[in-house]
PDB file of N, CA and C in Angstrom:
ATOM      1  N   MET A   1     -12.407   2.512 -11.458  1.00  0.00           N
ATOM      2  CA  MET A   1     -11.574   1.851 -11.814  1.00  0.00           C
ATOM      3  C   MET A   1     -10.470   3.356 -11.589  1.00  0.00           C
ATOM      4  N   PHE A   2      -9.172   2.977 -11.144  1.00  0.00           N
ATOM      5  CA  PHE A   2      -8.332   4.134 -11.159  1.00  0.00           C
ATOM      6  C   PHE A   2      -7.068   3.868 -12.193  1.00  0.00           C
ATOM      7  N   CYS A   3      -6.329   4.754 -12.902  1.00  0.00           N
ATOM      8  CA  CYS A   3      -5.347   4.529 -13.228  1.00  0.00           C
ATOM      9  C   CYS A   3      -4.321   5.307 -12.916  1.00  0.00           C
ATOM     10  N   LYS A   4      -3.486   4.573 -12.114  1.00  0.00           N
ATOM     11  CA  LYS A   4      -2.411   5.144 -11.624  1.00  0.00           C
ATOM     12  C   LYS A   4      -0.789   4.777 -11.636  1.00  0.00           C
ATOM     13  N   GLN A   5      -0.034   5.508 -11.442  1.00  0.00           N
ATOM     14  CA  GLN A   5       1.363   4.864 -11.538  1.00  0.00           C
ATOM     15  C   GLN A   5       2.005   4.261 -10.274  1.00  0.00           C
ATOM     16  N   ALA A   6       2.575   3.121 -10.047  1.00  0.00           N
ATOM     17  CA  ALA A   6       3.058   2.633  -8.671  1.00  0.00           C
ATOM     18  C   ALA A   6       4.557   2.390  -8.778  1.00  0.00           C
ATOM     19  N   LEU A   7       5.403   2.492  -7.728  1.00  0.00           N
ATOM     20  CA  LEU A   7       6.177   2.230  -7.749  1.00  0.00           C
ATOM     21  C   LEU A   7       6.734   0.634  -7.353  1.00  0.00           C
ATOM     22  N   VAL A   8       7.326  -0.016  -7.927  1.00  0.00           N
ATOM     23  CA  VAL A   8       7.178  -1.263  -8.323  1.00  0.00           C
ATOM     24  C   VAL A   8       8.533  -1.857  -7.443  1.00  0.00           C
ATOM     25  N   ASP A   9       8.607  -2.475  -6.046  1.00  0.00           N
ATOM     26  CA  ASP A   9       9.838  -2.553  -5.426  1.00  0.00           C
ATOM     27  C   ASP A   9      10.180  -4.013  -5.151  1.00  0.00           C
ATOM     28  N   SER A  10      11.326  -4.505  -5.678  1.00  0.00           N
ATOM     29  CA  SER A  10      11.759  -5.654  -5.634  1.00  0.00           C
ATOM     30  C   SER A  10      12.191  -6.082  -4.286  1.00  0.00           C
ATOM     31  N   GLY A  11      12.388  -4.908  -3.405  1.00  0.00           N
ATOM     32  CA  GLY A  11      12.868  -5.208  -1.957  1.00  0.00           C
ATOM     33  C   GLY A  11      11.575  -5.166  -0.840  1.00  0.00           C
ATOM     34  N   SER A  12      10.679  -4.707  -1.247  1.00  0.00           N
ATOM     35  CA  SER A  12       9.613  -4.740  -0.582  1.00  0.00           C
ATOM     36  C   SER A  12       8.846  -5.774   0.142  1.00  0.00           C
ATOM     37  N   SER A  13       8.469  -6.083   1.388  1.00  0.00           N
ATOM     38  CA  SER A  13       7.909  -7.126   1.953  1.00  0.00           C
ATOM     39  C   SER A  13       6.432  -7.162   1.778  1.00  0.00           C
ATOM     40  N   SER A  14       6.062  -5.957   1.167  1.00  0.00           N
ATOM     41  CA  SER A  14       4.350  -5.868   1.135  1.00  0.00           C
ATOM     42  C   SER A  14       4.054  -4.953   0.410  1.00  0.00           C
ATOM     43  N   SER A  15       3.136  -4.927  -0.134  1.00  0.00           N
ATOM     44  CA  SER A  15       2.399  -3.550  -1.075  1.00  0.00           C
ATOM     45  C   SER A  15       1.915  -2.642  -0.159  1.00  0.00           C
ATOM     46  N   SER A  16       2.085  -1.422  -0.369  1.00  0.00           N
ATOM     47  CA  SER A  16       1.480  -0.313   0.293  1.00  0.00           C
ATOM     48  C   SER A  16       0.360   0.247  -0.680  1.00  0.00           C
ATOM     49  N   ILE A  17      -0.453   1.314   0.143  1.00  0.00           N
ATOM     50  CA  ILE A  17      -1.098   2.753  -0.373  1.00  0.00           C
ATOM     51  C   ILE A  17      -1.571   3.475   0.408  1.00  0.00           C
ATOM     52  N   SER A  18      -1.477   4.690  -0.164  1.00  0.00           N
ATOM     53  CA  SER A  18      -1.256   6.062   0.771  1.00  0.00           C
ATOM     54  C   SER A  18      -2.770   6.211   1.290  1.00  0.00           C
ATOM     55  N   GLN A  19      -2.681   6.759   2.577  1.00  0.00           N
ATOM     56  CA  GLN A  19      -4.276   7.040   3.134  1.00  0.00           C
ATOM     57  C   GLN A  19      -4.893   8.319   2.519  1.00  0.00           C
ATOM     58  N   LYS A  20      -4.005   9.187   1.958  1.00  0.00           N
ATOM     59  CA  LYS A  20      -4.632   9.992   1.181  1.00  0.00           C
ATOM     60  C   LYS A  20      -5.174   9.646  -0.101  1.00  0.00           C
ATOM     61  N   PHE A  21      -4.412   8.841  -0.845  1.00  0.00           N
ATOM     62  CA  PHE A  21      -5.161   8.066  -1.841  1.00  0.00           C
ATOM     63  C   PHE A  21      -6.521   7.882  -1.589  1.00  0.00           C
ATOM     64  N   LEU A  22      -6.497   6.927  -0.572  1.00  0.00           N
ATOM     65  CA  LEU A  22      -7.868   6.522  -0.306  1.00  0.00           C
ATOM     66  C   LEU A  22      -8.934   7.042  -0.249  1.00  0.00           C
ATOM     67  N   LYS A  23      -8.823   8.063   0.685  1.00  0.00           N
ATOM     68  CA  LYS A  23      -9.456   9.342   1.263  1.00  0.00           C
ATOM     69  C   LYS A  23     -10.314   9.949  -0.100  1.00  0.00           C
ATOM     70  N   GLU A  24      -8.760  10.583  -0.962  1.00  0.00           N
ATOM     71  CA  GLU A  24      -9.576  11.330  -1.978  1.00  0.00           C
ATOM     72  C   GLU A  24     -10.410  10.117  -2.882  1.00  0.00           C
ATOM     73  N   ASN A  25     -10.148   9.347  -3.137  1.00  0.00           N
ATOM     74  CA  ASN A  25     -11.138   8.051  -4.216  1.00  0.00           C
ATOM     75  C   ASN A  25     -12.289   7.794  -3.200  1.00  0.00           C
ATOM     76  N   ASN A  26     -12.623   7.797  -1.927  1.00  0.00           N
ATOM     77  CA  ASN A  26     -13.530   7.117  -1.295  1.00  0.00           C
ATOM     78  C   ASN A  26     -13.536   5.457  -1.055  1.00  0.00           C
ATOM     79  N   ILE A  27     -12.503   5.114  -0.955  1.00  0.00           N
ATOM     80  CA  ILE A  27     -12.219   3.678  -0.987  1.00  0.00           C
ATOM     81  C   ILE A  27     -12.302   3.098   0.556  1.00  0.00           C
ATOM     82  N   ASP A  28     -13.132   2.128   0.474  1.00  0.00           N
ATOM     83  CA  ASP A  28     -13.436   1.294   1.852  1.00  0.00           C
ATOM     84  C   ASP A  28     -11.854   0.757   2.537  1.00  0.00           C
ATOM     85  N   ILE A  29     -11.874   0.976   3.746  1.00  0.00           N
ATOM     86  CA  ILE A  29     -10.578   0.518   4.778  1.00  0.00           C
ATOM     87  C   ILE A  29     -11.142  -0.674   5.608  1.00  0.00           C
ATOM     88  N   HIS A  30     -10.240  -1.532   5.894  1.00  0.00           N
ATOM     89  CA  HIS A  30     -10.197  -2.440   6.829  1.00  0.00           C
ATOM     90  C   HIS A  30      -9.403  -2.444   7.956  1.00  0.00           C
ATOM     91  N   LYS A  31      -9.951  -2.437   9.215  1.00  0.00           N
ATOM     92  CA  LYS A  31      -9.095  -2.275  10.239  1.00  0.00           C
ATOM     93  C   LYS A  31      -8.376  -3.565  10.695  1.00  0.00           C
ATOM     94  N   LEU A  32      -7.242  -3.760  10.755  1.00  0.00           N
ATOM     95  CA  LEU A  32      -6.664  -4.839  11.518  1.00  0.00           C
ATOM     96  C   LEU A  32      -6.761  -5.010  13.199  1.00  0.00           C
ATOM     97  N   LEU A  33      -6.693  -6.047  13.713  1.00  0.00           N
ATOM     98  CA  LEU A  33      -6.879  -6.442  14.981  1.00  0.00           C
ATOM     99  C   LEU A  33      -5.789  -6.059  16.030  1.00  0.00           C
ATOM    100  N   PHE A  34      -4.540  -6.028  15.312  1.00  0.00           N
ATOM    101  CA  PHE A  34      -3.116  -5.485  15.719  1.00  0.00           C
ATOM    102  C   PHE A  34      -2.258  -4.753  15.064  1.00  0.00           C
ATOM    103  N   PRO A  35      -1.883  -3.745  15.451  1.00  0.00           N
ATOM    104  CA  PRO A  35      -1.083  -3.051  14.578  1.00  0.00           C
ATOM    105  C   PRO A  35       0.165  -3.670  14.181  1.00  0.00           C
ATOM    106  N   ILE A  36       0.847  -3.367  13.054  1.00  0.00           N
ATOM    107  CA  ILE A  36       1.992  -4.131  12.546  1.00  0.00           C
ATOM    108  C   ILE A  36       3.084  -2.819  11.760  1.00  0.00           C
ATOM    109  N   THR A  37       4.296  -3.052  12.852  1.00  0.00           N
ATOM    110  CA  THR A  37       5.061  -2.237  12.592  1.00  0.00           C
ATOM    111  C   THR A  37       5.908  -2.187  11.212  1.00  0.00           C
ATOM    112  N   CYS A  38       6.033  -1.041  10.462  1.00  0.00           N
ATOM    113  CA  CYS A  38       6.141  -0.723   9.362  1.00  0.00           C
ATOM    114  C   CYS A  38       7.812  -0.248   9.076  1.00  0.00           C
ATOM    115  N   TYR A  39       8.751  -0.829   8.580  1.00  0.00           N
ATOM    116  CA  TYR A  39      10.178  -0.189   7.859  1.00  0.00           C
ATOM    117  C   TYR A  39      10.199   0.231   6.645  1.00  0.00           C
ATOM    118  N   ASN A  40      11.048   1.384   6.796  1.00  0.00           N
ATOM    119  CA  ASN A  40      11.359   2.268   5.054  1.00  0.00           C
ATOM    120  C   ASN A  40      12.379   1.065   4.910  1.00  0.00           C
ATOM    121  N   ALA A  41      12.790   1.603   3.640  1.00  0.00           N
ATOM    122  CA  ALA A  41      13.996   0.597   2.822  1.00  0.00           C
ATOM    123  C   ALA A  41      14.979   0.767   3.685  1.00  0.00           C
ATOM    124  N   ASN A  42      15.517   2.097   4.028  1.00  0.00           N
ATOM    125  CA  ASN A  42      16.838   2.063   4.817  1.00  0.00           C
ATOM    126  C   ASN A  42      17.047   1.331   6.236  1.00  0.00           C
ATOM    127  N   GLY A  43      15.776   0.810   6.741  1.00  0.00           N
ATOM    128  CA  GLY A  43      15.804   0.209   7.920  1.00  0.00           C
ATOM    129  C   GLY A  43      15.003   0.927   8.905  1.00  0.00           C
ATOM    130  N   SER A  44      14.893   2.396   8.847  1.00  0.00           N
ATOM    131  CA  SER A  44      14.214   3.147   9.956  1.00  0.00           C
ATOM    132  C   SER A  44      12.678   2.987   9.843  1.00  0.00           C
ATOM    133  N   THR A  45      12.084   2.856  10.827  1.00  0.00           N
ATOM    134  CA  THR A  45      10.676   2.672  11.245  1.00  0.00           C
ATOM    135  C   THR A  45       9.838   3.947  10.373  1.00  0.00           C
ATOM    136  N   ASN A  46       8.892   3.566   9.511  1.00  0.00           N
ATOM    137  CA  ASN A  46       8.091   4.571   8.827  1.00  0.00           C
ATOM    138  C   ASN A  46       7.358   5.733   9.892  1.00  0.00           C
ATOM    139  N   ARG A  47       7.382   6.797   9.105  1.00  0.00           N
ATOM    140  CA  ARG A  47       6.711   7.904  10.283  1.00  0.00           C
ATOM    141  C   ARG A  47       5.323   7.537  10.902  1.00  0.00           C
ATOM    142  N   ASP A  48       4.679   6.938  10.378  1.00  0.00           N
ATOM    143  CA  ASP A  48       3.447   6.610  11.101  1.00  0.00           C
ATOM    144  C   ASP A  48       3.803   5.630  11.948  1.00  0.00           C
ATOM    145  N   ARG A  49       4.873   4.585  11.894  1.00  0.00           N
ATOM    146  CA  ARG A  49       5.570   3.666  12.931  1.00  0.00           C
ATOM    147  C   ARG A  49       4.690   2.418  12.707  1.00  0.00           C
ATOM    148  N   SER A  50       3.558   2.177  12.244  1.00  0.00           N
ATOM    149  CA  SER A  50       2.714   0.804  12.381  1.00  0.00           C
ATOM    150  C   SER A  50       1.826   1.016  11.385  1.00  0.00           C
ATOM    151  N   PHE A  51       1.273   0.068  10.632  1.00  0.00           N
ATOM    152  CA  PHE A  51      -0.160   0.042  10.127  1.00  0.00           C
ATOM    153  C   PHE A  51      -1.352  -0.508  10.619  1.00  0.00           C
ATOM    154  N   THR A  52      -2.421  -0.281  10.475  1.00  0.00           N
ATOM    155  CA  THR A  52      -3.242  -0.653  11.400  1.00  0.00           C
ATOM    156  C   THR A  52      -4.797  -1.064  10.388  1.00  0.00           C
ATOM    157  N   LYS A  53      -4.681  -0.588   9.118  1.00  0.00           N
ATOM    158  CA  LYS A  53      -5.479  -0.524   8.355  1.00  0.00           C
ATOM    159  C   LYS A  53      -4.975  -1.275   6.791  1.00  0.00           C
ATOM    160  N   VAL A  54      -5.861  -1.801   6.164  1.00  0.00           N
ATOM    161  CA  VAL A  54      -5.782  -2.646   4.972  1.00  0.00           C
ATOM    162  C   VAL A  54      -6.633  -2.590   4.032  1.00  0.00           C
ATOM    163  N   VAL A  55      -6.594  -2.566   2.722  1.00  0.00           N
ATOM    164  CA  VAL A  55      -7.603  -2.717   1.584  1.00  0.00           C
ATOM    165  C   VAL A  55      -7.391  -3.815   0.799  1.00  0.00           C
ATOM    166  N   GLU A  56      -8.239  -4.347   0.101  1.00  0.00           N
ATOM    167  CA  GLU A  56      -8.178  -5.166  -1.112  1.00  0.00           C
ATOM    168  C   GLU A  56      -8.580  -4.571  -2.319  1.00  0.00           C
ATOM    169  N   MET A  57      -7.761  -4.667  -2.989  1.00  0.00           N
ATOM    170  CA  MET A  57      -8.021  -4.302  -4.783  1.00  0.00           C
ATOM    171  C   MET A  57      -7.610  -4.853  -5.568  1.00  0.00           C
ATOM    172  N   ASN A  58      -8.688  -5.046  -6.757  1.00  0.00           N
ATOM    173  CA  ASN A  58      -7.913  -5.833  -7.982  1.00  0.00           C
ATOM    174  C   ASN A  58      -6.970  -4.972  -8.767  1.00  0.00           C
ATOM    175  N   ILE A  59      -5.752  -5.142  -9.357  1.00  0.00           N
ATOM    176  CA  ILE A  59      -4.452  -4.874  -9.844  1.00  0.00           C
ATOM    177  C   ILE A  59      -4.357  -5.381 -11.203  1.00  0.00           C
ATOM    178  N   THR A  60      -4.586  -4.592 -12.156  1.00  0.00           N
ATOM    179  CA  THR A  60      -4.388  -4.895 -13.501  1.00  0.00           C
ATOM    180  C   THR A  60      -2.968  -4.132 -14.160  1.00  0.00           C
ATOM    181  N   ILE A  61      -2.480  -5.216 -14.800  1.00  0.00           N
ATOM    182  CA  ILE A  61      -1.161  -4.421 -15.366  1.00  0.00           C
ATOM    183  C   ILE A  61      -1.332  -5.470 -16.816  1.00  0.00           C
ATOM    184  N   ASN A  62      -1.492  -4.709 -17.886  1.00  0.00           N
ATOM    185  CA  ASN A  62      -1.510  -4.995 -19.164  1.00  0.00           C
ATOM    186  C   ASN A  62      -2.859  -5.918 -19.127  1.00  0.00           C
ATOM    187  N   ASN A  63      -2.638  -7.016 -19.484  1.00  0.00           N
ATOM    188  CA  ASN A  63      -3.740  -8.492 -19.229  1.00  0.00           C
ATOM    189  C   ASN A  63      -3.794  -9.225 -18.158  1.00  0.00           C
ATOM    190  N   TYR A  64      -2.635  -8.871 -17.253  1.00  0.00           N
ATOM    191  CA  TYR A  64      -2.552  -9.378 -15.604  1.00  0.00           C
ATOM    192  C   TYR A  64      -3.481  -8.775 -14.737  1.00  0.00           C
ATOM    193  N   GLN A  65      -4.236  -9.598 -13.938  1.00  0.00           N
ATOM    194  CA  GLN A  65      -5.207  -9.040 -12.945  1.00  0.00           C
ATOM    195  C   GLN A  65      -4.952 -10.000 -11.752  1.00  0.00           C
ATOM    196  N   GLU A  66      -5.116  -9.359 -10.556  1.00  0.00           N
ATOM    197  CA  GLU A  66      -4.857 -10.064  -9.159  1.00  0.00           C
ATOM    198  C   GLU A  66      -5.768  -9.276  -8.331  1.00  0.00           C
ATOM    199  N   LEU A  67      -6.271  -9.961  -7.290  1.00  0.00           N
ATOM    200  CA  LEU A  67      -6.707  -9.335  -6.122  1.00  0.00           C
ATOM    201  C   LEU A  67      -5.607  -9.132  -5.121  1.00  0.00           C
ATOM    202  N   ILE A  68      -5.164  -8.206  -4.460  1.00  0.00           N
ATOM    203  CA  ILE A  68      -4.184  -7.975  -3.681  1.00  0.00           C
ATOM    204  C   ILE A  68      -4.453  -7.168  -2.399  1.00  0.00           C
ATOM    205  N   GLN A  69      -3.755  -7.800  -1.732  1.00  0.00           N
ATOM    206  CA  GLN A  69      -3.968  -6.705   0.027  1.00  0.00           C
ATOM    207  C   GLN A  69      -2.998  -5.854   0.109  1.00  0.00           C
ATOM    208  N   LEU A  70      -3.348  -4.474   0.421  1.00  0.00           N
ATOM    209  CA  LEU A  70      -2.374  -3.155   0.288  1.00  0.00           C
ATOM    210  C   LEU A  70      -2.492  -2.816   2.030  1.00  0.00           C
ATOM    211  N   SER A  71      -1.270  -2.502   2.432  1.00  0.00           N
ATOM    212  CA  SER A  71      -1.187  -1.593   3.816  1.00  0.00           C
ATOM    213  C   SER A  71      -1.314  -0.548   3.747  1.00  0.00           C
ATOM    214  N   VAL A  72      -2.114   0.094   4.471  1.00  0.00           N
ATOM    215  CA  VAL A  72      -2.372   2.017   4.655  1.00  0.00           C
ATOM    216  C   VAL A  72      -1.249   1.988   5.355  1.00  0.00           C
ATOM    217  N   ILE A  73      -0.595   3.306   4.794  1.00  0.00           N
ATOM    218  CA  ILE A  73       0.640   3.752   5.261  1.00  0.00           C
ATOM    219  C   ILE A  73       1.101   5.150   4.734  1.00  0.00           C
ATOM    220  N   ASN A  74       1.717   5.853   5.251  1.00  0.00           N
ATOM    221  CA  ASN A  74       2.410   7.124   4.663  1.00  0.00           C
ATOM    222  C   ASN A  74       3.573   6.821   3.826  1.00  0.00           C
ATOM    223  N   LEU A  75       3.169   6.923   2.593  1.00  0.00           N
ATOM    224  CA  LEU A  75       4.347   6.411   1.664  1.00  0.00           C
ATOM    225  C   LEU A  75       4.844   8.366   0.934  1.00  0.00           C
ATOM    226  N   GLY A  76       4.979   8.946   1.817  1.00  0.00           N
ATOM    227  CA  GLY A  76       5.327  10.162   0.910  1.00  0.00           C
ATOM    228  C   GLY A  76       4.808  10.960  -0.112  1.00  0.00           C
ATOM    229  N   ASN A  77       5.443  11.195  -1.102  1.00  0.00           N
ATOM    230  CA  ASN A  77       4.776  11.725  -2.248  1.00  0.00           C
ATOM    231  C   ASN A  77       4.300  10.713  -3.251  1.00  0.00           C
ATOM    232  N   HIS A  78       4.365   9.381  -2.641  1.00  0.00           N
ATOM    233  CA  HIS A  78       3.749   8.188  -3.748  1.00  0.00           C
ATOM    234  C   HIS A  78       2.314   7.510  -3.399  1.00  0.00           C
ATOM    235  N   ASN A  79       1.548   7.399  -4.146  1.00  0.00           N
ATOM    236  CA  ASN A  79       0.215   6.940  -3.631  1.00  0.00           C
ATOM    237  C   ASN A  79       0.444   5.305  -3.650  1.00  0.00           C
ATOM    238  N   LEU A  80       1.355   4.348  -4.317  1.00  0.00           N
ATOM    239  CA  LEU A  80       1.230   3.182  -4.189  1.00  0.00           C
ATOM    240  C   LEU A  80       2.718   2.611  -4.713  1.00  0.00           C
ATOM    241  N   PHE A  81       2.670   1.571  -3.769  1.00  0.00           N
ATOM    242  CA  PHE A  81       4.224   0.683  -3.885  1.00  0.00           C
ATOM    243  C   PHE A  81       3.685  -0.555  -4.088  1.00  0.00           C
ATOM    244  N   LEU A  82       4.174  -1.363  -5.086  1.00  0.00           N
ATOM    245  CA  LEU A  82       3.803  -2.787  -5.148  1.00  0.00           C
ATOM    246  C   LEU A  82       4.960  -3.582  -4.865  1.00  0.00           C
ATOM    247  N   GLU A  83       4.662  -4.701  -4.068  1.00  0.00           N
ATOM    248  CA  GLU A  83       5.983  -5.666  -3.875  1.00  0.00           C
ATOM    249  C   GLU A  83       6.387  -6.660  -5.314  1.00  0.00           C
ATOM    250  N   TYR A  84       7.238  -6.786  -5.631  1.00  0.00           N
ATOM    251  CA  TYR A  84       7.494  -7.570  -6.555  1.00  0.00           C
ATOM    252  C   TYR A  84       8.614  -8.551  -6.199  1.00  0.00           C
ATOM    253  N   ASN A  85       8.258  -9.940  -6.232  1.00  0.00           N
ATOM    254  CA  ASN A  85       8.976 -11.013  -6.099  1.00  0.00           C
ATOM    255  C   ASN A  85       8.692 -12.276  -7.013  1.00  0.00           C
TER     256      ASN A  85
END
């Protein structure tokens, strides 16, 4: 179990997690068959340009729990972005 803060982003099209966080916590990563281009909030291409890996994690917020898929991408100084819709 990990207790982390996340940036909740109502404009995000998906939830993402940093490669660094996954390595530090020895979390299994699944490789995609094809890369998916990743864009930042300002429309520019992410520094990593695309993501090729995902993870599935149970996210718990208070009494709510959900299994979600997160793209593995460069998030700068953040560990976790959660899509909110």
